[in-house]
N, C-alpha and C. Protein backbone atom coordinates (compact mmCIF):
# COMPACT_ATOMS: atom_id res chain seq x y z
N MET A 1 -5.43 -83.86 33.36
CA MET A 1 -6.26 -82.91 32.59
C MET A 1 -7.74 -83.33 32.71
N GLU A 2 -8.54 -82.41 33.06
CA GLU A 2 -9.92 -82.68 33.37
C GLU A 2 -10.69 -82.69 32.07
N ARG A 3 -11.53 -83.74 31.88
CA ARG A 3 -12.34 -83.86 30.67
C ARG A 3 -13.58 -82.99 30.75
N MET A 4 -13.88 -82.50 29.60
CA MET A 4 -15.11 -81.70 29.49
C MET A 4 -16.36 -82.51 29.61
N LYS A 5 -17.33 -82.05 30.33
CA LYS A 5 -18.53 -82.87 30.45
C LYS A 5 -19.42 -82.56 29.29
N ARG A 6 -19.79 -83.58 28.64
CA ARG A 6 -20.62 -83.42 27.33
C ARG A 6 -22.02 -83.87 27.68
N THR A 7 -22.96 -83.06 27.22
CA THR A 7 -24.34 -83.36 27.45
C THR A 7 -24.92 -84.09 26.20
N ARG A 8 -25.50 -85.21 26.45
CA ARG A 8 -26.11 -85.94 25.37
C ARG A 8 -27.54 -85.36 25.10
N PHE A 9 -27.93 -85.50 23.82
CA PHE A 9 -29.19 -84.89 23.44
C PHE A 9 -30.29 -85.55 24.25
N SER A 10 -30.17 -86.90 24.50
CA SER A 10 -31.30 -87.52 25.26
C SER A 10 -31.30 -87.05 26.72
N ALA A 11 -30.30 -86.42 27.22
CA ALA A 11 -30.29 -85.92 28.63
C ALA A 11 -30.94 -84.55 28.79
N LEU A 12 -31.20 -83.89 27.61
CA LEU A 12 -31.92 -82.59 27.69
C LEU A 12 -33.34 -82.70 28.07
N PRO A 13 -33.93 -81.74 28.74
CA PRO A 13 -35.36 -81.72 29.03
C PRO A 13 -36.12 -81.68 27.73
N VAL A 14 -37.39 -82.08 27.70
CA VAL A 14 -38.17 -82.20 26.52
C VAL A 14 -38.35 -80.89 25.87
N ARG A 15 -38.53 -79.85 26.57
CA ARG A 15 -38.69 -78.44 25.99
C ARG A 15 -37.45 -78.05 25.17
N GLU A 16 -36.26 -78.31 25.81
CA GLU A 16 -35.07 -77.98 25.09
C GLU A 16 -34.80 -78.91 23.89
N LYS A 17 -35.23 -80.10 23.95
CA LYS A 17 -35.14 -81.03 22.76
C LYS A 17 -35.98 -80.41 21.62
N ILE A 18 -37.15 -80.03 21.97
CA ILE A 18 -38.01 -79.53 20.84
C ILE A 18 -37.49 -78.21 20.28
N LEU A 19 -37.05 -77.36 21.09
CA LEU A 19 -36.40 -76.11 20.59
C LEU A 19 -35.12 -76.36 19.87
N SER A 20 -34.37 -77.36 20.30
CA SER A 20 -33.14 -77.70 19.56
C SER A 20 -33.45 -78.34 18.21
N ILE A 21 -34.45 -79.05 18.06
CA ILE A 21 -34.85 -79.58 16.75
C ILE A 21 -35.40 -78.50 15.87
N PHE A 22 -36.10 -77.53 16.47
CA PHE A 22 -36.76 -76.48 15.76
C PHE A 22 -35.81 -75.53 15.05
N VAL A 23 -34.56 -75.32 15.65
CA VAL A 23 -33.62 -74.36 15.20
C VAL A 23 -33.12 -74.73 13.75
N PRO A 24 -32.54 -75.97 13.52
CA PRO A 24 -32.11 -76.27 12.13
C PRO A 24 -33.24 -76.49 11.21
N LEU A 25 -34.31 -77.12 11.76
CA LEU A 25 -35.51 -77.27 10.92
C LEU A 25 -36.03 -75.98 10.38
N CYS A 26 -36.11 -74.96 11.20
CA CYS A 26 -36.57 -73.69 10.69
C CYS A 26 -35.59 -73.00 9.84
N ALA A 27 -34.30 -73.11 10.07
CA ALA A 27 -33.25 -72.50 9.26
C ALA A 27 -33.24 -73.14 7.83
N PHE A 28 -33.19 -74.45 7.78
CA PHE A 28 -33.17 -75.16 6.50
C PHE A 28 -34.50 -75.15 5.81
N GLY A 29 -35.58 -75.21 6.62
CA GLY A 29 -36.94 -75.20 6.07
C GLY A 29 -37.24 -73.81 5.45
N GLY A 30 -36.72 -72.75 5.97
CA GLY A 30 -36.88 -71.39 5.40
C GLY A 30 -36.30 -71.33 4.05
N ILE A 31 -35.11 -71.98 3.86
CA ILE A 31 -34.49 -71.97 2.54
C ILE A 31 -35.43 -72.68 1.54
N GLY A 32 -35.92 -73.85 1.92
CA GLY A 32 -36.95 -74.58 1.08
C GLY A 32 -38.10 -73.70 0.72
N ILE A 33 -38.64 -73.09 1.74
CA ILE A 33 -39.82 -72.20 1.55
C ILE A 33 -39.53 -71.08 0.52
N ALA A 34 -38.33 -70.46 0.75
CA ALA A 34 -37.96 -69.39 -0.14
C ALA A 34 -37.81 -69.87 -1.61
N TYR A 35 -37.21 -71.04 -1.75
CA TYR A 35 -37.08 -71.60 -3.06
C TYR A 35 -38.44 -71.91 -3.71
N LEU A 36 -39.35 -72.43 -2.97
CA LEU A 36 -40.72 -72.71 -3.49
C LEU A 36 -41.52 -71.46 -3.85
N LEU A 37 -41.34 -70.43 -2.98
CA LEU A 37 -42.01 -69.12 -3.25
C LEU A 37 -41.43 -68.50 -4.58
N ASN A 38 -40.14 -68.65 -4.71
CA ASN A 38 -39.49 -68.16 -5.93
C ASN A 38 -40.00 -68.97 -7.14
N MET A 39 -39.99 -70.20 -7.03
CA MET A 39 -40.35 -71.14 -8.13
C MET A 39 -41.78 -70.83 -8.58
N TYR A 40 -42.69 -70.52 -7.66
CA TYR A 40 -44.13 -70.27 -8.07
C TYR A 40 -44.33 -68.83 -8.38
N GLY A 41 -43.30 -67.98 -8.38
CA GLY A 41 -43.44 -66.63 -8.76
C GLY A 41 -44.00 -65.63 -7.69
N ILE A 42 -44.07 -66.09 -6.48
CA ILE A 42 -44.65 -65.23 -5.38
C ILE A 42 -43.62 -64.24 -4.97
N ILE A 43 -42.34 -64.55 -4.90
CA ILE A 43 -41.34 -63.57 -4.63
C ILE A 43 -40.34 -63.65 -5.82
N GLU A 44 -39.65 -62.49 -5.97
CA GLU A 44 -38.71 -62.40 -7.08
C GLU A 44 -37.41 -63.07 -6.88
N ASN A 45 -36.80 -62.82 -5.71
CA ASN A 45 -35.47 -63.33 -5.34
C ASN A 45 -35.61 -64.19 -4.05
N ALA A 46 -35.26 -65.46 -4.19
CA ALA A 46 -35.34 -66.39 -3.06
C ALA A 46 -34.33 -66.00 -1.98
N GLY A 47 -33.22 -65.37 -2.35
CA GLY A 47 -32.23 -65.02 -1.42
C GLY A 47 -32.63 -63.94 -0.45
N THR A 48 -33.56 -63.13 -0.80
CA THR A 48 -34.03 -62.01 0.06
C THR A 48 -35.03 -62.44 1.16
N PHE A 49 -35.51 -63.80 1.01
CA PHE A 49 -36.48 -64.30 2.01
C PHE A 49 -35.68 -65.02 3.11
N ALA A 50 -35.15 -64.30 4.04
CA ALA A 50 -34.33 -64.91 5.05
C ALA A 50 -35.05 -65.11 6.45
N TRP A 51 -36.28 -65.10 6.38
CA TRP A 51 -37.09 -65.15 7.69
C TRP A 51 -36.92 -66.45 8.42
N GLY A 52 -36.63 -67.55 7.72
CA GLY A 52 -36.38 -68.83 8.39
C GLY A 52 -35.12 -68.77 9.23
N CYS A 53 -34.08 -68.11 8.71
CA CYS A 53 -32.84 -68.05 9.45
C CYS A 53 -33.04 -67.05 10.62
N ILE A 54 -33.72 -65.99 10.46
CA ILE A 54 -33.98 -65.06 11.48
C ILE A 54 -34.79 -65.64 12.64
N LEU A 55 -35.87 -66.40 12.24
CA LEU A 55 -36.65 -67.06 13.31
C LEU A 55 -35.85 -68.11 14.02
N SER A 56 -35.04 -68.87 13.36
CA SER A 56 -34.17 -69.82 14.04
C SER A 56 -33.13 -69.08 15.00
N SER A 57 -32.66 -67.97 14.61
CA SER A 57 -31.85 -67.21 15.45
C SER A 57 -32.47 -66.75 16.70
N LEU A 58 -33.80 -66.34 16.57
CA LEU A 58 -34.51 -65.93 17.76
C LEU A 58 -34.78 -67.12 18.78
N VAL A 59 -35.04 -68.31 18.18
CA VAL A 59 -35.28 -69.43 18.97
C VAL A 59 -33.99 -69.86 19.63
N LEU A 60 -32.87 -69.86 18.94
CA LEU A 60 -31.56 -70.21 19.57
C LEU A 60 -31.18 -69.25 20.68
N SER A 61 -31.48 -67.95 20.47
CA SER A 61 -31.23 -66.97 21.49
C SER A 61 -32.12 -67.23 22.79
N TYR A 62 -33.39 -67.59 22.57
CA TYR A 62 -34.20 -67.90 23.72
C TYR A 62 -33.71 -69.11 24.44
N LEU A 63 -33.34 -70.12 23.62
CA LEU A 63 -32.80 -71.36 24.21
C LEU A 63 -31.53 -71.06 25.02
N ALA A 64 -30.68 -70.19 24.58
CA ALA A 64 -29.41 -69.85 25.23
C ALA A 64 -29.73 -69.00 26.51
N PHE A 65 -30.81 -68.22 26.47
CA PHE A 65 -31.15 -67.47 27.61
C PHE A 65 -31.71 -68.37 28.73
N GLN A 66 -32.27 -69.51 28.41
CA GLN A 66 -32.84 -70.40 29.37
C GLN A 66 -31.81 -71.34 30.01
N LYS A 67 -30.58 -71.35 29.51
CA LYS A 67 -29.49 -72.17 30.00
C LYS A 67 -28.98 -71.58 31.37
N PRO A 68 -28.50 -72.47 32.25
CA PRO A 68 -27.97 -71.94 33.54
C PRO A 68 -26.69 -71.06 33.33
N LYS A 69 -25.88 -71.42 32.31
CA LYS A 69 -24.63 -70.68 32.00
C LYS A 69 -25.00 -69.93 30.65
N LYS A 70 -24.74 -68.72 30.57
CA LYS A 70 -25.12 -67.90 29.38
C LYS A 70 -24.03 -67.94 28.31
N ASP A 71 -24.38 -68.13 27.04
CA ASP A 71 -23.48 -68.13 25.93
C ASP A 71 -23.71 -66.86 25.11
N ILE A 72 -22.79 -65.91 25.14
CA ILE A 72 -22.96 -64.71 24.52
C ILE A 72 -23.10 -64.77 23.05
N VAL A 73 -22.41 -65.70 22.39
CA VAL A 73 -22.49 -65.93 20.94
C VAL A 73 -23.93 -66.38 20.56
N ALA A 74 -24.52 -67.32 21.28
CA ALA A 74 -25.83 -67.80 21.03
C ALA A 74 -26.92 -66.72 21.34
N LEU A 75 -26.67 -65.95 22.37
CA LEU A 75 -27.59 -64.89 22.73
C LEU A 75 -27.65 -63.78 21.70
N LEU A 76 -26.53 -63.51 21.01
CA LEU A 76 -26.49 -62.44 20.05
C LEU A 76 -26.74 -62.89 18.56
N THR A 77 -27.19 -64.11 18.33
CA THR A 77 -27.45 -64.57 16.97
C THR A 77 -28.51 -63.82 16.25
N PRO A 78 -29.58 -63.26 16.92
CA PRO A 78 -30.54 -62.39 16.13
C PRO A 78 -29.90 -61.14 15.59
N VAL A 79 -28.94 -60.54 16.37
CA VAL A 79 -28.21 -59.39 15.94
C VAL A 79 -27.41 -59.68 14.69
N TYR A 80 -26.70 -60.88 14.79
CA TYR A 80 -25.89 -61.24 13.67
C TYR A 80 -26.78 -61.52 12.38
N ALA A 81 -27.95 -62.14 12.59
CA ALA A 81 -28.83 -62.37 11.46
C ALA A 81 -29.27 -61.14 10.76
N VAL A 82 -29.66 -60.15 11.59
CA VAL A 82 -30.16 -58.87 11.02
C VAL A 82 -28.98 -58.18 10.27
N LEU A 83 -27.83 -58.19 10.93
CA LEU A 83 -26.62 -57.54 10.28
C LEU A 83 -26.26 -58.31 8.97
N ILE A 84 -26.31 -59.64 8.95
CA ILE A 84 -25.87 -60.31 7.74
C ILE A 84 -26.94 -60.20 6.63
N PHE A 85 -28.19 -60.38 7.01
CA PHE A 85 -29.20 -60.43 5.90
C PHE A 85 -29.79 -59.04 5.50
N PHE A 86 -29.77 -58.05 6.37
CA PHE A 86 -30.29 -56.79 6.02
C PHE A 86 -29.25 -55.62 6.12
N GLY A 87 -28.12 -55.87 6.64
CA GLY A 87 -27.06 -54.80 6.76
C GLY A 87 -26.03 -54.80 5.67
N LEU A 88 -25.96 -55.76 4.82
CA LEU A 88 -25.02 -55.80 3.81
C LEU A 88 -25.48 -54.96 2.58
N GLU A 89 -24.52 -54.40 1.82
CA GLU A 89 -24.88 -53.69 0.63
C GLU A 89 -25.34 -54.66 -0.43
N ASN A 90 -24.70 -55.79 -0.51
CA ASN A 90 -25.09 -56.82 -1.56
C ASN A 90 -26.34 -57.58 -1.10
N ALA A 91 -27.22 -57.94 -1.98
CA ALA A 91 -28.40 -58.71 -1.57
C ALA A 91 -27.97 -60.10 -1.18
N SER A 92 -28.69 -60.64 -0.17
CA SER A 92 -28.35 -61.94 0.32
C SER A 92 -28.81 -63.01 -0.75
N THR A 93 -28.18 -64.19 -0.62
CA THR A 93 -28.50 -65.33 -1.62
C THR A 93 -28.90 -66.53 -0.80
N LEU A 94 -29.34 -67.50 -1.56
CA LEU A 94 -29.69 -68.82 -0.86
C LEU A 94 -28.38 -69.46 -0.36
N PHE A 95 -27.25 -69.27 -1.01
CA PHE A 95 -26.01 -69.79 -0.56
C PHE A 95 -25.64 -69.21 0.78
N LEU A 96 -25.83 -67.89 0.98
CA LEU A 96 -25.62 -67.26 2.21
C LEU A 96 -26.48 -67.75 3.34
N GLN A 97 -27.75 -67.95 3.01
CA GLN A 97 -28.70 -68.57 3.93
C GLN A 97 -28.27 -69.99 4.35
N PHE A 98 -27.78 -70.76 3.40
CA PHE A 98 -27.39 -72.12 3.59
C PHE A 98 -26.11 -72.11 4.55
N LEU A 99 -25.17 -71.23 4.33
CA LEU A 99 -24.03 -71.14 5.25
C LEU A 99 -24.46 -70.68 6.58
N TYR A 100 -25.37 -69.81 6.61
CA TYR A 100 -25.84 -69.33 7.96
C TYR A 100 -26.56 -70.44 8.69
N ALA A 101 -27.34 -71.28 7.99
CA ALA A 101 -28.06 -72.38 8.58
C ALA A 101 -27.11 -73.39 9.18
N ILE A 102 -25.99 -73.66 8.48
CA ILE A 102 -24.98 -74.58 8.94
C ILE A 102 -24.32 -74.07 10.17
N THR A 103 -23.97 -72.72 10.11
CA THR A 103 -23.28 -72.10 11.29
C THR A 103 -24.17 -72.06 12.52
N ILE A 104 -25.50 -71.75 12.30
CA ILE A 104 -26.34 -71.67 13.45
C ILE A 104 -26.55 -73.14 14.09
N THR A 105 -26.59 -74.13 13.24
CA THR A 105 -26.63 -75.47 13.76
C THR A 105 -25.41 -75.85 14.60
N LEU A 106 -24.26 -75.45 14.13
CA LEU A 106 -23.07 -75.67 14.86
C LEU A 106 -23.00 -74.93 16.18
N VAL A 107 -23.56 -73.68 16.22
CA VAL A 107 -23.66 -72.95 17.39
C VAL A 107 -24.66 -73.62 18.39
N LEU A 108 -25.69 -74.24 17.84
CA LEU A 108 -26.67 -74.99 18.72
C LEU A 108 -25.97 -76.18 19.37
N VAL A 109 -25.18 -76.88 18.58
CA VAL A 109 -24.48 -78.10 19.13
C VAL A 109 -23.49 -77.66 20.22
N ARG A 110 -22.79 -76.55 19.96
CA ARG A 110 -21.84 -76.01 20.92
C ARG A 110 -22.62 -75.55 22.18
N LEU A 111 -23.75 -74.95 22.05
CA LEU A 111 -24.53 -74.49 23.16
C LEU A 111 -24.99 -75.70 24.00
N ASN A 112 -25.48 -76.72 23.41
CA ASN A 112 -25.97 -77.96 24.05
C ASN A 112 -24.86 -78.67 24.76
N GLN A 113 -23.64 -78.65 24.19
CA GLN A 113 -22.52 -79.46 24.78
C GLN A 113 -21.78 -78.71 25.89
N ARG A 114 -21.64 -77.40 25.69
CA ARG A 114 -20.83 -76.66 26.71
C ARG A 114 -21.64 -75.91 27.72
N PHE A 115 -22.80 -75.55 27.41
CA PHE A 115 -23.55 -74.59 28.38
C PHE A 115 -24.75 -75.24 29.00
N SER A 116 -24.93 -76.53 28.93
CA SER A 116 -26.02 -77.20 29.62
C SER A 116 -25.54 -77.56 30.99
N SER A 117 -26.47 -77.82 31.88
CA SER A 117 -26.05 -78.13 33.26
C SER A 117 -25.74 -79.57 33.37
């Protein structure tokens, strides 16, 4: 049985390293910003401020597009983000953003391990 070739984070080019760090940083940082904006009364509901998750989805999609082998799941993450945060009848919550941030981080790890050269 042939072993899967795993790419270490240190083996990635510098540009991919920076983008890979930016994805979870933006997703989880957006949750923190939403909480702070809610705490200071700038926005009413912190759950509706999902722009950190959407931006991280866009970066992940760009990162997936730059890989030699294309990952359809990572390429379509912006579509998923828009459907999840703006397409549901119920308002999104911080818990939903947290789950999405964990999921997008796992998709990033999968992308770097399976679809790197």
